[in-house]
Amino acid sequence: MNNKLYQLKESLAELEHQQWMAWARDLLEKENISNEIRDRWEVYFVPYAELPEKIKERDRVYAQKSLDIMKKYTEIN
């Protein structure tokens, strides 16, 4: 993967993390979520750069899915 494509994938992964945080925070405010889940999620309410690699990889999976869709309609290699 070339450097520009790698940077794009990381940017998309970071966006995925931001979207997840927004969704999770909204859900925690509106729903009756157990303290166990709340505690587990709140650990990850940090900037993408501060996440453990294992968690970043989860975001990268969805970033790759976005890239795959973009590749179908653009000249991204």
C-alpha atoms as a PDB file:
ATOM      1  CA  MET A   1       0.000   0.000   0.000  1.00  0.00           C
ATOM      2  CA  ASN A   2       1.498   3.315  -1.017  1.00  0.00           C
ATOM      3  CA  ASN A   3       1.924   6.104   1.539  1.00  0.00           C
ATOM      4  CA  LYS A   4      -0.996   8.234   0.291  1.00  0.00           C
ATOM      5  CA  LEU A   5      -3.331   5.258   0.361  1.00  0.00           C
ATOM      6  CA  TYR A   6      -2.099   4.310   3.822  1.00  0.00           C
ATOM      7  CA  GLN A   7      -2.748   7.877   5.043  1.00  0.00           C
ATOM      8  CA  LEU A   8      -6.227   7.818   3.500  1.00  0.00           C
ATOM      9  CA  LYS A   9      -7.002   4.534   5.227  1.00  0.00           C
ATOM     10  CA  GLU A  10      -5.782   5.894   8.564  1.00  0.00           C
ATOM     11  CA  SER A  11      -7.866   9.044   8.094  1.00  0.00           C
ATOM     12  CA  LEU A  12     -10.929   6.941   7.369  1.00  0.00           C
ATOM     13  CA  ALA A  13     -10.193   4.770  10.412  1.00  0.00           C
ATOM     14  CA  GLU A  14      -9.942   7.895  12.549  1.00  0.00           C
ATOM     15  CA  LEU A  15     -13.276   9.094  11.180  1.00  0.00           C
ATOM     16  CA  GLU A  16     -14.784   5.691  11.940  1.00  0.00           C
ATOM     17  CA  HIS A  17     -13.598   6.028  15.533  1.00  0.00           C
ATOM     18  CA  GLN A  18     -15.087   9.524  15.798  1.00  0.00           C
ATOM     19  CA  GLN A  19     -18.393   8.231  14.432  1.00  0.00           C
ATOM     20  CA  TRP A  20     -18.366   5.355  16.904  1.00  0.00           C
ATOM     21  CA  MET A  21     -17.686   7.717  19.814  1.00  0.00           C
ATOM     22  CA  ALA A  22     -20.577   9.966  18.781  1.00  0.00           C
ATOM     23  CA  TRP A  23     -22.903   6.962  18.462  1.00  0.00           C
ATOM     24  CA  ALA A  24     -21.757   5.412  21.750  1.00  0.00           C
ATOM     25  CA  ARG A  25     -22.047   8.653  23.719  1.00  0.00           C
ATOM     26  CA  ASP A  26     -25.507   9.276  22.302  1.00  0.00           C
ATOM     27  CA  LEU A  27     -26.570   5.740  23.182  1.00  0.00           C
ATOM     28  CA  LEU A  28     -25.194   6.060  26.712  1.00  0.00           C
ATOM     29  CA  GLU A  29     -27.204   9.257  27.207  1.00  0.00           C
ATOM     30  CA  LYS A  30     -30.475   7.935  25.809  1.00  0.00           C
ATOM     31  CA  GLU A  31     -30.574   4.262  26.748  1.00  0.00           C
ATOM     32  CA  ASN A  32     -30.288   2.236  29.913  1.00  0.00           C
ATOM     33  CA  ILE A  33     -26.861   0.720  29.280  1.00  0.00           C
ATOM     34  CA  SER A  34     -25.252  -1.453  31.929  1.00  0.00           C
ATOM     35  CA  ASN A  35     -22.372  -0.050  33.951  1.00  0.00           C
ATOM     36  CA  GLU A  36     -20.192  -2.883  32.652  1.00  0.00           C
ATOM     37  CA  ILE A  37     -20.666  -1.798  29.041  1.00  0.00           C
ATOM     38  CA  ARG A  38     -20.432   1.887  29.970  1.00  0.00           C
ATOM     39  CA  ASP A  39     -17.086   1.292  31.707  1.00  0.00           C
ATOM     40  CA  ARG A  40     -15.775  -0.784  28.811  1.00  0.00           C
ATOM     41  CA  TRP A  41     -16.731   1.824  26.208  1.00  0.00           C
ATOM     42  CA  GLU A  42     -15.548   4.884  28.116  1.00  0.00           C
ATOM     43  CA  VAL A  43     -11.972   3.605  28.054  1.00  0.00           C
ATOM     44  CA  TYR A  44     -12.044   4.164  24.280  1.00  0.00           C
ATOM     45  CA  PHE A  45     -13.385   7.736  24.392  1.00  0.00           C
ATOM     46  CA  VAL A  46      -9.937   9.023  23.451  1.00  0.00           C
ATOM     47  CA  PRO A  47      -8.403  10.333  20.228  1.00  0.00           C
ATOM     48  CA  TYR A  48      -7.722   7.669  17.613  1.00  0.00           C
ATOM     49  CA  ALA A  49      -3.958   8.108  18.012  1.00  0.00           C
ATOM     50  CA  GLU A  50      -4.215   7.042  21.661  1.00  0.00           C
ATOM     51  CA  LEU A  51      -6.077   3.798  20.994  1.00  0.00           C
ATOM     52  CA  PRO A  52      -4.370   0.438  21.382  1.00  0.00           C
ATOM     53  CA  GLU A  53      -3.418  -1.148  18.038  1.00  0.00           C
ATOM     54  CA  LYS A  54      -5.991  -3.919  18.526  1.00  0.00           C
ATOM     55  CA  ILE A  55      -8.794  -1.346  18.628  1.00  0.00           C
ATOM     56  CA  LYS A  56      -7.344   0.683  15.748  1.00  0.00           C
ATOM     57  CA  GLU A  57      -7.448  -2.484  13.655  1.00  0.00           C
ATOM     58  CA  ARG A  58     -11.222  -2.693  14.191  1.00  0.00           C
ATOM     59  CA  ASP A  59     -11.583   0.817  12.806  1.00  0.00           C
ATOM     60  CA  ARG A  60      -9.257  -0.039   9.919  1.00  0.00           C
ATOM     61  CA  VAL A  61     -11.566  -2.886   8.889  1.00  0.00           C
ATOM     62  CA  TYR A  62     -14.327  -0.373   8.222  1.00  0.00           C
ATOM     63  CA  ALA A  63     -11.892   2.067   6.659  1.00  0.00           C
ATOM     64  CA  GLN A  64     -10.895  -0.675   4.210  1.00  0.00           C
ATOM     65  CA  LYS A  65     -14.550  -1.317   3.386  1.00  0.00           C
ATOM     66  CA  SER A  66     -14.934   2.380   2.566  1.00  0.00           C
ATOM     67  CA  LEU A  67     -11.789   2.270   0.426  1.00  0.00           C
ATOM     68  CA  ASP A  68     -13.077  -0.766  -1.432  1.00  0.00           C
ATOM     69  CA  ILE A  69     -16.273   1.109  -2.306  1.00  0.00           C
ATOM     70  CA  MET A  70     -14.312   4.186  -3.389  1.00  0.00           C
ATOM     71  CA  LYS A  71     -12.049   2.049  -5.568  1.00  0.00           C
ATOM     72  CA  LYS A  72     -15.089   0.827  -7.513  1.00  0.00           C
ATOM     73  CA  TYR A  73     -15.978   4.389  -8.513  1.00  0.00           C
ATOM     74  CA  THR A  74     -12.659   6.196  -8.673  1.00  0.00           C
ATOM     75  CA  GLU A  75      -9.078   5.711  -9.731  1.00  0.00           C
ATOM     76  CA  ILE A  76      -7.796   5.054  -6.202  1.00  0.00           C
ATOM     77  CA  ASN A  77      -5.229   2.268  -6.239  1.00  0.00           C
END
